[in-house]
């Protein structure tokens, strides 16, 4: 039985019995963090990732909050629309294709991957997100804003569509040439697969 199965079982038992889930939580946090450090962080310095973030950071350098909100609203409207030019452009980028390949290569452990820029705006993703701006969410604030080396493991939640226990792990992306934080990645993980 994998650590993920023990953690999933422990979380379910704690939930069902009212026991303190701290031990199970510590185990899943450690397992999720280790997985991302070993399997995701190494590819974050590849040119396809760094170049895409740097290009978007330059393109959006002058955006104000009203501009960010307008982009986010446009994205949200496209999520439910038949015509999705903004979403389609993002999903067809070289970075998104790279992230899709990484998700598929994980054999079901990674459920989604998305990369954001220095403002918390989507740069690339394996699957469409419900919003374009992640900068107002803990996953971006506790990774990118915490600086180089930061990794944030969110709580385990049961995905209603898949019935799987999942967590999101976010990590700061650093430009290997400058050592500066340029963006962040969020990785959805199937806890049972860890």
N, C-alpha and C. Protein backbone atom coordinates (compact mmCIF):
# COMPACT_ATOMS: atom_id res chain seq x y z
N UNK A 1 0.85 -1.18 0.00
CA UNK A 1 0.00 0.00 0.00
C UNK A 1 0.90 1.25 0.00
N UNK A 2 0.60 2.20 -0.89
CA UNK A 2 1.40 3.42 -0.98
C UNK A 2 1.09 4.35 0.18
N UNK A 3 1.99 5.35 0.39
CA UNK A 3 1.75 6.35 1.44
C UNK A 3 0.43 7.07 1.19
N UNK A 4 0.11 7.29 -0.11
CA UNK A 4 -1.15 7.96 -0.44
C UNK A 4 -2.36 7.18 0.04
N UNK A 5 -2.31 5.87 -0.09
CA UNK A 5 -3.44 5.04 0.36
C UNK A 5 -3.57 5.09 1.88
N UNK A 6 -2.44 5.06 2.59
CA UNK A 6 -2.47 5.17 4.05
C UNK A 6 -3.02 6.53 4.47
N UNK A 7 -2.55 7.57 3.78
CA UNK A 7 -3.02 8.92 4.12
C UNK A 7 -4.50 9.05 3.83
N UNK A 8 -4.92 8.59 2.65
CA UNK A 8 -6.33 8.68 2.29
C UNK A 8 -7.19 7.91 3.30
N UNK A 9 -6.76 6.71 3.63
CA UNK A 9 -7.49 5.90 4.60
C UNK A 9 -7.52 6.60 5.95
N UNK A 10 -6.37 7.15 6.37
CA UNK A 10 -6.30 7.87 7.64
C UNK A 10 -7.21 9.07 7.68
N UNK A 11 -7.24 9.84 6.61
CA UNK A 11 -8.11 11.01 6.56
C UNK A 11 -9.58 10.61 6.60
N UNK A 12 -9.92 9.55 5.87
CA UNK A 12 -11.30 9.09 5.88
C UNK A 12 -11.71 8.57 7.26
N UNK A 13 -10.83 7.81 7.90
CA UNK A 13 -11.13 7.30 9.24
C UNK A 13 -11.27 8.45 10.24
N UNK A 14 -10.38 9.42 10.16
CA UNK A 14 -10.46 10.57 11.07
C UNK A 14 -11.76 11.32 10.86
N UNK A 15 -12.13 11.47 9.60
CA UNK A 15 -13.36 12.18 9.29
C UNK A 15 -14.57 11.42 9.82
N UNK A 16 -14.56 10.11 9.63
CA UNK A 16 -15.70 9.28 10.05
C UNK A 16 -15.80 9.12 11.56
N UNK A 17 -14.66 9.10 12.24
CA UNK A 17 -14.67 8.83 13.68
C UNK A 17 -14.51 10.08 14.54
N UNK A 18 -14.20 11.21 13.90
CA UNK A 18 -14.00 12.44 14.67
C UNK A 18 -12.63 12.52 15.32
N UNK A 19 -11.72 11.61 14.96
CA UNK A 19 -10.37 11.63 15.52
C UNK A 19 -9.59 12.82 14.97
N UNK A 20 -8.55 13.19 15.66
CA UNK A 20 -7.68 14.27 15.22
C UNK A 20 -6.92 13.84 13.97
N UNK A 21 -7.09 14.53 12.85
CA UNK A 21 -6.43 14.12 11.62
C UNK A 21 -5.00 14.67 11.47
N UNK A 22 -4.43 15.23 12.52
CA UNK A 22 -3.11 15.88 12.42
C UNK A 22 -2.04 14.93 11.90
N UNK A 23 -2.02 13.69 12.38
CA UNK A 23 -0.99 12.76 11.93
C UNK A 23 -1.15 12.45 10.44
N UNK A 24 -2.36 12.15 10.02
CA UNK A 24 -2.60 11.87 8.60
C UNK A 24 -2.28 13.10 7.77
N UNK A 25 -2.61 14.27 8.27
CA UNK A 25 -2.33 15.51 7.54
C UNK A 25 -0.83 15.71 7.39
N UNK A 26 -0.06 15.49 8.45
CA UNK A 26 1.39 15.62 8.37
C UNK A 26 1.97 14.67 7.32
N UNK A 27 1.43 13.44 7.26
CA UNK A 27 1.92 12.46 6.31
C UNK A 27 1.63 12.87 4.88
N UNK A 28 0.41 13.36 4.61
CA UNK A 28 0.09 13.74 3.24
C UNK A 28 0.85 14.98 2.83
N UNK A 29 1.05 15.92 3.75
CA UNK A 29 1.82 17.13 3.43
C UNK A 29 3.24 16.75 3.06
N UNK A 30 3.86 15.88 3.83
CA UNK A 30 5.23 15.45 3.55
C UNK A 30 5.31 14.70 2.23
N UNK A 31 4.36 13.82 1.98
CA UNK A 31 4.36 13.04 0.74
C UNK A 31 4.12 13.94 -0.48
N UNK A 32 3.18 14.87 -0.36
CA UNK A 32 2.87 15.78 -1.47
C UNK A 32 4.06 16.69 -1.76
N UNK A 33 4.65 17.22 -0.72
CA UNK A 33 5.82 18.10 -0.88
C UNK A 33 6.98 17.35 -1.54
N UNK A 34 7.25 16.13 -1.06
CA UNK A 34 8.34 15.33 -1.62
C UNK A 34 8.08 15.01 -3.09
N UNK A 35 6.85 14.70 -3.43
CA UNK A 35 6.53 14.39 -4.83
C UNK A 35 6.83 15.59 -5.72
N UNK A 36 6.37 16.76 -5.31
CA UNK A 36 6.58 17.97 -6.12
C UNK A 36 8.07 18.31 -6.20
N UNK A 37 8.78 18.19 -5.09
CA UNK A 37 10.22 18.49 -5.10
C UNK A 37 10.97 17.55 -6.04
N UNK A 38 10.57 16.28 -6.09
CA UNK A 38 11.28 15.30 -6.91
C UNK A 38 10.82 15.27 -8.36
N UNK A 39 9.53 15.54 -8.61
CA UNK A 39 8.97 15.32 -9.93
C UNK A 39 8.54 16.57 -10.68
N UNK A 40 8.42 17.69 -10.01
CA UNK A 40 7.95 18.92 -10.67
C UNK A 40 9.03 20.00 -10.65
N UNK A 41 9.58 20.29 -9.48
CA UNK A 41 10.57 21.37 -9.37
C UNK A 41 11.70 21.23 -10.40
N UNK A 42 12.20 20.02 -10.68
CA UNK A 42 13.30 19.92 -11.65
C UNK A 42 12.96 20.47 -13.05
N UNK A 43 11.71 20.37 -13.50
CA UNK A 43 11.41 20.87 -14.84
C UNK A 43 10.97 22.34 -14.87
N UNK A 44 10.88 22.97 -13.72
CA UNK A 44 10.45 24.38 -13.68
C UNK A 44 11.51 25.34 -14.21
N UNK A 45 12.74 24.89 -14.33
CA UNK A 45 13.80 25.76 -14.86
C UNK A 45 14.02 25.56 -16.36
N UNK A 46 13.21 24.71 -16.99
CA UNK A 46 13.34 24.50 -18.43
C UNK A 46 12.91 25.75 -19.18
N UNK A 47 13.53 25.97 -20.34
CA UNK A 47 13.31 27.18 -21.13
C UNK A 47 11.83 27.41 -21.47
N UNK A 48 11.10 26.34 -21.78
CA UNK A 48 9.69 26.51 -22.16
C UNK A 48 8.89 27.15 -21.03
N UNK A 49 9.26 26.87 -19.78
CA UNK A 49 8.57 27.44 -18.62
C UNK A 49 9.06 28.87 -18.36
N UNK A 50 10.36 29.02 -18.21
CA UNK A 50 10.95 30.31 -17.85
C UNK A 50 10.70 31.37 -18.93
N UNK A 51 10.89 31.01 -20.20
CA UNK A 51 10.70 31.97 -21.28
C UNK A 51 9.25 32.44 -21.38
N UNK A 52 8.30 31.53 -21.20
CA UNK A 52 6.88 31.91 -21.28
C UNK A 52 6.52 32.87 -20.14
N UNK A 53 7.00 32.60 -18.94
CA UNK A 53 6.69 33.49 -17.81
C UNK A 53 7.36 34.84 -18.01
N UNK A 54 8.63 34.85 -18.38
CA UNK A 54 9.33 36.12 -18.58
C UNK A 54 8.67 36.96 -19.67
N UNK A 55 8.21 36.32 -20.75
CA UNK A 55 7.54 37.05 -21.83
C UNK A 55 6.23 37.66 -21.33
N UNK A 56 5.47 36.90 -20.54
CA UNK A 56 4.20 37.45 -20.04
C UNK A 56 4.45 38.52 -18.99
N UNK A 57 5.45 38.34 -18.14
CA UNK A 57 5.77 39.38 -17.15
C UNK A 57 6.11 40.70 -17.85
N UNK A 58 6.85 40.61 -18.96
CA UNK A 58 7.20 41.82 -19.71
C UNK A 58 5.95 42.42 -20.38
N UNK A 59 5.14 41.57 -20.97
CA UNK A 59 3.92 42.02 -21.67
C UNK A 59 2.94 42.70 -20.70
N UNK A 60 2.81 42.17 -19.50
CA UNK A 60 1.82 42.68 -18.54
C UNK A 60 2.43 43.56 -17.45
N UNK A 61 3.65 44.02 -17.63
CA UNK A 61 4.34 44.80 -16.60
C UNK A 61 3.54 46.03 -16.15
N UNK A 62 2.83 46.67 -17.04
CA UNK A 62 2.11 47.90 -16.70
C UNK A 62 0.66 47.70 -16.30
N UNK A 63 0.20 46.47 -16.17
CA UNK A 63 -1.21 46.23 -15.82
C UNK A 63 -1.53 46.77 -14.43
N UNK A 64 -2.69 47.40 -14.33
CA UNK A 64 -3.22 47.83 -13.05
C UNK A 64 -4.28 46.82 -12.61
N UNK A 65 -4.75 46.94 -11.37
CA UNK A 65 -5.72 45.98 -10.85
C UNK A 65 -6.99 45.94 -11.69
N UNK A 66 -7.44 47.09 -12.20
CA UNK A 66 -8.64 47.12 -13.04
C UNK A 66 -8.43 46.29 -14.31
N UNK A 67 -7.22 46.34 -14.87
CA UNK A 67 -6.90 45.54 -16.07
C UNK A 67 -6.91 44.05 -15.74
N UNK A 68 -6.35 43.70 -14.60
CA UNK A 68 -6.32 42.29 -14.15
C UNK A 68 -7.74 41.79 -13.95
N UNK A 69 -8.57 42.60 -13.30
CA UNK A 69 -9.97 42.21 -13.07
C UNK A 69 -10.71 42.02 -14.39
N UNK A 70 -10.44 42.88 -15.38
CA UNK A 70 -11.11 42.77 -16.68
C UNK A 70 -10.69 41.48 -17.39
N UNK A 71 -9.41 41.15 -17.34
CA UNK A 71 -8.94 39.90 -17.94
C UNK A 71 -9.57 38.70 -17.24
N UNK A 72 -9.64 38.75 -15.93
CA UNK A 72 -10.23 37.66 -15.16
C UNK A 72 -11.71 37.49 -15.50
N UNK A 73 -12.44 38.60 -15.63
CA UNK A 73 -13.86 38.53 -15.98
C UNK A 73 -14.06 37.96 -17.38
N UNK A 74 -13.17 38.36 -18.31
CA UNK A 74 -13.26 37.83 -19.67
C UNK A 74 -13.06 36.32 -19.66
N UNK A 75 -12.05 35.86 -18.93
CA UNK A 75 -11.77 34.42 -18.84
C UNK A 75 -12.98 33.68 -18.24
N UNK A 76 -13.49 34.20 -17.13
CA UNK A 76 -14.62 33.55 -16.46
C UNK A 76 -15.83 33.44 -17.38
N UNK A 77 -16.06 34.47 -18.20
CA UNK A 77 -17.18 34.45 -19.14
C UNK A 77 -16.95 33.37 -20.20
N UNK A 78 -15.70 33.21 -20.64
CA UNK A 78 -15.39 32.21 -21.66
C UNK A 78 -15.54 30.79 -21.15
N UNK A 79 -15.35 30.56 -19.84
CA UNK A 79 -15.46 29.21 -19.28
C UNK A 79 -16.81 28.60 -19.64
N UNK A 80 -17.86 29.41 -19.61
CA UNK A 80 -19.22 28.92 -19.89
C UNK A 80 -19.66 29.15 -21.33
N UNK A 81 -18.84 29.86 -22.13
CA UNK A 81 -19.23 30.21 -23.50
C UNK A 81 -18.80 29.14 -24.49
N UNK A 82 -19.43 29.15 -25.67
CA UNK A 82 -19.04 28.23 -26.74
C UNK A 82 -17.74 28.70 -27.38
N UNK A 83 -17.57 30.01 -27.53
CA UNK A 83 -16.38 30.59 -28.13
C UNK A 83 -15.40 30.97 -27.01
N UNK A 84 -14.19 30.43 -27.06
CA UNK A 84 -13.23 30.61 -25.97
C UNK A 84 -11.86 31.07 -26.51
N UNK A 85 -11.78 32.23 -27.15
CA UNK A 85 -10.50 32.61 -27.75
C UNK A 85 -9.37 32.78 -26.75
N UNK A 86 -9.61 33.36 -25.61
CA UNK A 86 -8.56 33.58 -24.62
C UNK A 86 -8.10 32.24 -24.01
N UNK A 87 -9.05 31.40 -23.66
CA UNK A 87 -8.74 30.09 -23.10
C UNK A 87 -8.04 29.22 -24.14
N UNK A 88 -8.57 29.21 -25.36
CA UNK A 88 -7.98 28.40 -26.42
C UNK A 88 -6.54 28.82 -26.72
N UNK A 89 -6.29 30.13 -26.73
CA UNK A 89 -4.93 30.63 -26.98
C UNK A 89 -3.97 30.14 -25.89
N UNK A 90 -4.42 30.19 -24.64
CA UNK A 90 -3.58 29.73 -23.54
C UNK A 90 -3.34 28.23 -23.61
N UNK A 91 -4.38 27.46 -23.88
CA UNK A 91 -4.25 25.99 -23.92
C UNK A 91 -3.44 25.49 -25.11
N UNK A 92 -3.31 26.32 -26.16
CA UNK A 92 -2.56 25.88 -27.33
C UNK A 92 -1.10 26.36 -27.30
N UNK A 93 -0.70 27.03 -26.23
CA UNK A 93 0.68 27.52 -26.13
C UNK A 93 1.67 26.37 -25.93
N UNK A 94 2.94 26.57 -26.30
CA UNK A 94 3.94 25.54 -26.05
C UNK A 94 4.04 25.16 -24.57
N UNK A 95 3.89 26.14 -23.67
CA UNK A 95 3.94 25.83 -22.25
C UNK A 95 2.79 24.90 -21.85
N UNK A 96 1.58 25.20 -22.30
CA UNK A 96 0.44 24.34 -21.96
C UNK A 96 0.62 22.93 -22.50
N UNK A 97 1.12 22.82 -23.71
CA UNK A 97 1.37 21.49 -24.28
C UNK A 97 2.41 20.73 -23.44
N UNK A 98 3.44 21.44 -23.00
CA UNK A 98 4.45 20.85 -22.13
C UNK A 98 3.83 20.37 -20.82
N UNK A 99 2.95 21.18 -20.22
CA UNK A 99 2.30 20.82 -18.96
C UNK A 99 1.36 19.63 -19.14
N UNK A 100 0.67 19.57 -20.27
CA UNK A 100 -0.20 18.43 -20.56
C UNK A 100 0.64 17.15 -20.63
N UNK A 101 1.80 17.22 -21.29
CA UNK A 101 2.69 16.05 -21.38
C UNK A 101 3.16 15.62 -20.00
N UNK A 102 3.47 16.56 -19.13
CA UNK A 102 3.93 16.25 -17.78
C UNK A 102 2.81 15.60 -16.96
N UNK A 103 1.59 16.14 -17.10
CA UNK A 103 0.45 15.54 -16.38
C UNK A 103 0.25 14.11 -16.84
N UNK A 104 0.25 13.90 -18.15
CA UNK A 104 0.03 12.55 -18.69
C UNK A 104 1.13 11.58 -18.28
N UNK A 105 2.36 12.06 -18.20
CA UNK A 105 3.49 11.20 -17.83
C UNK A 105 3.45 10.78 -16.35
N UNK A 106 2.66 11.48 -15.54
CA UNK A 106 2.59 11.16 -14.10
C UNK A 106 1.74 9.94 -13.80
N UNK A 107 1.10 9.37 -14.80
CA UNK A 107 0.27 8.17 -14.65
C UNK A 107 -0.82 8.33 -13.59
N UNK A 108 -1.48 9.48 -13.61
CA UNK A 108 -2.63 9.72 -12.74
C UNK A 108 -2.33 10.37 -11.41
N UNK A 109 -1.07 10.57 -11.07
CA UNK A 109 -0.75 11.24 -9.80
C UNK A 109 -1.05 12.74 -9.92
N UNK A 110 -0.63 13.35 -11.02
CA UNK A 110 -0.91 14.77 -11.24
C UNK A 110 -2.25 14.88 -11.95
N UNK A 111 -3.16 15.63 -11.36
CA UNK A 111 -4.48 15.82 -11.95
C UNK A 111 -4.56 17.11 -12.76
N UNK A 112 -3.71 18.08 -12.45
CA UNK A 112 -3.66 19.33 -13.21
C UNK A 112 -2.36 20.05 -12.88
N UNK A 113 -1.94 20.91 -13.81
CA UNK A 113 -0.78 21.76 -13.63
C UNK A 113 -1.12 23.12 -14.24
N UNK A 114 -0.84 24.18 -13.52
CA UNK A 114 -0.93 25.49 -14.17
C UNK A 114 0.14 26.42 -13.62
N UNK A 115 0.64 27.26 -14.53
CA UNK A 115 1.72 28.18 -14.24
C UNK A 115 1.18 29.60 -14.30
N UNK A 116 1.59 30.41 -13.33
CA UNK A 116 1.17 31.81 -13.28
C UNK A 116 2.39 32.72 -13.32
N UNK A 117 2.13 33.97 -13.67
CA UNK A 117 3.21 34.95 -13.77
C UNK A 117 3.39 35.72 -12.47
N UNK A 118 4.14 36.80 -12.53
CA UNK A 118 4.43 37.60 -11.35
C UNK A 118 3.26 38.39 -10.81
N UNK A 119 2.15 38.39 -11.51
CA UNK A 119 0.93 39.05 -11.03
C UNK A 119 -0.13 38.03 -10.63
N UNK A 120 0.18 36.75 -10.85
CA UNK A 120 -0.78 35.69 -10.53
C UNK A 120 -1.72 35.36 -11.66
N UNK A 121 -1.39 35.79 -12.89
CA UNK A 121 -2.21 35.51 -14.07
C UNK A 121 -1.73 34.23 -14.75
N UNK A 122 -2.65 33.45 -15.27
CA UNK A 122 -2.32 32.20 -15.95
C UNK A 122 -1.38 32.45 -17.12
N UNK A 123 -0.36 31.60 -17.22
CA UNK A 123 0.54 31.63 -18.37
C UNK A 123 0.33 30.37 -19.20
N UNK A 124 0.21 29.22 -18.55
CA UNK A 124 -0.02 27.96 -19.23
C UNK A 124 -0.68 26.99 -18.27
N UNK A 125 -1.36 25.99 -18.83
CA UNK A 125 -2.08 25.04 -17.98
C UNK A 125 -2.38 23.76 -18.73
N UNK A 126 -2.47 22.68 -17.97
CA UNK A 126 -2.81 21.40 -18.57
C UNK A 126 -4.31 21.27 -18.78
N UNK A 127 -5.08 21.97 -17.98
CA UNK A 127 -6.54 21.93 -18.03
C UNK A 127 -7.04 23.35 -17.73
N UNK A 128 -8.18 23.74 -18.30
CA UNK A 128 -8.68 25.09 -18.05
C UNK A 128 -9.00 25.31 -16.56
N UNK A 129 -8.59 26.45 -16.05
CA UNK A 129 -8.95 26.83 -14.69
C UNK A 129 -10.25 27.61 -14.74
N UNK A 130 -10.92 27.73 -13.61
CA UNK A 130 -12.19 28.46 -13.58
C UNK A 130 -12.00 29.96 -13.63
N UNK A 131 -10.79 30.44 -13.29
CA UNK A 131 -10.50 31.87 -13.36
C UNK A 131 -9.09 32.08 -13.90
N UNK A 132 -8.81 33.31 -14.32
CA UNK A 132 -7.53 33.65 -14.94
C UNK A 132 -6.55 34.22 -13.93
N UNK A 133 -7.05 34.87 -12.92
CA UNK A 133 -6.19 35.51 -11.93
C UNK A 133 -6.17 34.68 -10.65
N UNK A 134 -4.98 34.17 -10.31
CA UNK A 134 -4.80 33.38 -9.08
C UNK A 134 -4.19 34.23 -7.96
N UNK A 135 -3.85 35.48 -8.26
CA UNK A 135 -3.12 36.33 -7.33
C UNK A 135 -3.85 36.65 -6.04
N UNK A 136 -5.15 36.42 -6.01
CA UNK A 136 -5.93 36.68 -4.80
C UNK A 136 -6.12 35.41 -3.97
N UNK A 137 -5.43 34.33 -4.35
CA UNK A 137 -5.62 33.04 -3.68
C UNK A 137 -4.36 32.61 -2.93
N UNK A 138 -4.56 31.84 -1.86
CA UNK A 138 -3.45 31.39 -1.01
C UNK A 138 -2.40 30.64 -1.80
N UNK A 139 -2.82 29.86 -2.79
CA UNK A 139 -1.86 29.05 -3.56
C UNK A 139 -0.78 29.93 -4.21
N UNK A 140 -1.13 31.13 -4.66
CA UNK A 140 -0.15 32.03 -5.28
C UNK A 140 0.55 32.87 -4.21
N UNK A 141 -0.23 33.34 -3.26
CA UNK A 141 0.33 34.20 -2.22
C UNK A 141 1.35 33.46 -1.36
N UNK A 142 1.10 32.18 -1.06
CA UNK A 142 2.00 31.42 -0.18
C UNK A 142 3.12 30.71 -0.95
N UNK A 143 3.16 30.92 -2.24
CA UNK A 143 4.29 30.40 -3.03
C UNK A 143 5.05 31.59 -3.61
N UNK A 144 4.53 32.22 -4.65
CA UNK A 144 5.24 33.31 -5.29
C UNK A 144 5.63 34.43 -4.31
N UNK A 145 4.68 34.89 -3.54
CA UNK A 145 4.97 36.01 -2.64
C UNK A 145 5.91 35.62 -1.50
N UNK A 146 6.05 34.33 -1.24
CA UNK A 146 6.98 33.88 -0.19
C UNK A 146 8.42 33.81 -0.71
N UNK A 147 8.60 33.89 -2.03
CA UNK A 147 9.93 33.96 -2.61
C UNK A 147 10.49 32.63 -3.04
N UNK A 148 11.72 32.66 -3.57
CA UNK A 148 12.37 31.44 -4.07
C UNK A 148 12.41 30.33 -3.01
N UNK A 149 12.13 29.12 -3.48
CA UNK A 149 12.18 27.95 -2.60
C UNK A 149 10.87 27.66 -1.88
N UNK A 150 9.90 28.55 -1.97
CA UNK A 150 8.64 28.35 -1.23
C UNK A 150 7.80 27.26 -1.88
N UNK A 151 7.24 26.40 -1.04
CA UNK A 151 6.29 25.38 -1.46
C UNK A 151 5.14 25.39 -0.47
N UNK A 152 3.92 25.49 -0.99
CA UNK A 152 2.72 25.52 -0.15
C UNK A 152 1.84 24.32 -0.49
N UNK A 153 1.52 23.52 0.53
CA UNK A 153 0.65 22.36 0.35
C UNK A 153 -0.71 22.70 0.96
N UNK A 154 -1.73 22.69 0.12
CA UNK A 154 -3.08 23.02 0.56
C UNK A 154 -3.76 21.79 1.18
N UNK A 155 -4.94 22.00 1.72
CA UNK A 155 -5.68 20.92 2.37
C UNK A 155 -6.16 19.88 1.35
N UNK A 156 -6.38 18.67 1.83
CA UNK A 156 -6.95 17.61 1.00
C UNK A 156 -8.45 17.85 0.89
N UNK A 157 -8.94 17.71 -0.33
CA UNK A 157 -10.38 17.83 -0.57
C UNK A 157 -10.83 16.67 -1.44
N UNK A 158 -12.07 16.27 -1.30
CA UNK A 158 -12.61 15.21 -2.14
C UNK A 158 -13.18 15.85 -3.39
N UNK A 159 -12.67 15.46 -4.55
CA UNK A 159 -13.16 15.97 -5.81
C UNK A 159 -14.48 15.26 -6.12
N UNK A 160 -15.52 16.03 -6.24
CA UNK A 160 -16.85 15.43 -6.42
C UNK A 160 -16.99 14.71 -7.76
N UNK A 161 -16.32 15.21 -8.80
CA UNK A 161 -16.46 14.56 -10.10
C UNK A 161 -15.68 13.26 -10.18
N UNK A 162 -14.52 13.18 -9.53
CA UNK A 162 -13.70 11.97 -9.61
C UNK A 162 -13.81 11.09 -8.37
N UNK A 163 -14.36 11.63 -7.28
CA UNK A 163 -14.45 10.93 -6.00
C UNK A 163 -13.07 10.59 -5.44
N UNK A 164 -12.05 11.35 -5.84
CA UNK A 164 -10.69 11.15 -5.36
C UNK A 164 -10.34 12.21 -4.33
N UNK A 165 -9.46 11.84 -3.40
CA UNK A 165 -8.91 12.83 -2.49
C UNK A 165 -7.76 13.52 -3.20
N UNK A 166 -7.83 14.85 -3.25
CA UNK A 166 -6.84 15.62 -3.96
C UNK A 166 -6.34 16.78 -3.12
N UNK A 167 -5.13 17.23 -3.44
CA UNK A 167 -4.57 18.43 -2.84
C UNK A 167 -3.90 19.23 -3.93
N UNK A 168 -3.66 20.50 -3.66
CA UNK A 168 -2.90 21.33 -4.56
C UNK A 168 -1.61 21.74 -3.86
N UNK A 169 -0.51 21.64 -4.60
CA UNK A 169 0.79 22.06 -4.10
C UNK A 169 1.28 23.16 -5.02
N UNK A 170 1.68 24.29 -4.44
CA UNK A 170 2.16 25.42 -5.24
C UNK A 170 3.61 25.71 -4.87
N UNK A 171 4.39 26.04 -5.89
CA UNK A 171 5.81 26.32 -5.69
C UNK A 171 6.21 27.54 -6.50
N UNK A 172 7.14 28.31 -5.96
CA UNK A 172 7.68 29.47 -6.65
C UNK A 172 8.57 29.00 -7.81
N UNK A 173 8.44 29.69 -8.95
CA UNK A 173 9.30 29.43 -10.09
C UNK A 173 10.34 30.54 -10.15
N UNK A 174 11.60 30.14 -10.27
CA UNK A 174 12.73 31.06 -10.25
C UNK A 174 13.42 31.06 -11.61
N UNK A 175 13.81 32.24 -12.07
CA UNK A 175 14.62 32.34 -13.28
C UNK A 175 16.03 31.86 -12.93
N UNK A 176 16.50 30.77 -13.55
CA UNK A 176 17.82 30.25 -13.18
C UNK A 176 18.97 31.22 -13.48
N UNK A 177 18.77 32.16 -14.39
CA UNK A 177 19.83 33.12 -14.72
C UNK A 177 19.96 34.21 -13.67
N UNK A 178 18.84 34.60 -13.05
CA UNK A 178 18.86 35.73 -12.10
C UNK A 178 18.64 35.31 -10.66
N UNK A 179 18.02 34.14 -10.45
CA UNK A 179 17.68 33.71 -9.10
C UNK A 179 16.44 34.40 -8.55
N UNK A 180 15.78 35.19 -9.38
CA UNK A 180 14.60 35.94 -8.94
C UNK A 180 13.32 35.12 -9.16
N UNK A 181 12.36 35.28 -8.25
CA UNK A 181 11.05 34.67 -8.41
C UNK A 181 10.34 35.35 -9.57
N UNK A 182 9.84 34.55 -10.51
CA UNK A 182 9.16 35.12 -11.68
C UNK A 182 7.71 34.67 -11.78
N UNK A 183 7.34 33.59 -11.11
CA UNK A 183 5.98 33.06 -11.20
C UNK A 183 5.80 31.92 -10.23
N UNK A 184 4.76 31.13 -10.47
CA UNK A 184 4.47 30.00 -9.59
C UNK A 184 3.81 28.89 -10.40
N UNK A 185 3.90 27.69 -9.88
CA UNK A 185 3.20 26.55 -10.45
C UNK A 185 2.27 26.01 -9.38
N UNK A 186 1.09 25.57 -9.79
CA UNK A 186 0.19 24.85 -8.90
C UNK A 186 -0.02 23.47 -9.51
N UNK A 187 0.14 22.46 -8.67
CA UNK A 187 0.05 21.07 -9.09
C UNK A 187 -1.08 20.40 -8.32
N UNK A 188 -2.07 19.92 -9.03
CA UNK A 188 -3.12 19.12 -8.40
C UNK A 188 -2.63 17.69 -8.30
N UNK A 189 -2.73 17.12 -7.10
CA UNK A 189 -2.25 15.74 -6.88
C UNK A 189 -3.36 14.85 -6.36
N UNK A 190 -3.43 13.66 -6.91
CA UNK A 190 -4.31 12.60 -6.41
C UNK A 190 -3.58 12.01 -5.20
N UNK A 191 -4.07 12.27 -4.00
CA UNK A 191 -3.40 11.84 -2.78
C UNK A 191 -3.22 10.32 -2.75
N UNK A 192 -4.17 9.60 -3.29
CA UNK A 192 -4.07 8.14 -3.30
C UNK A 192 -2.92 7.65 -4.17
N UNK A 193 -2.46 8.50 -5.10
CA UNK A 193 -1.38 8.09 -6.00
C UNK A 193 0.01 8.36 -5.46
N UNK A 194 0.10 9.05 -4.31
CA UNK A 194 1.43 9.39 -3.77
C UNK A 194 2.14 8.19 -3.19
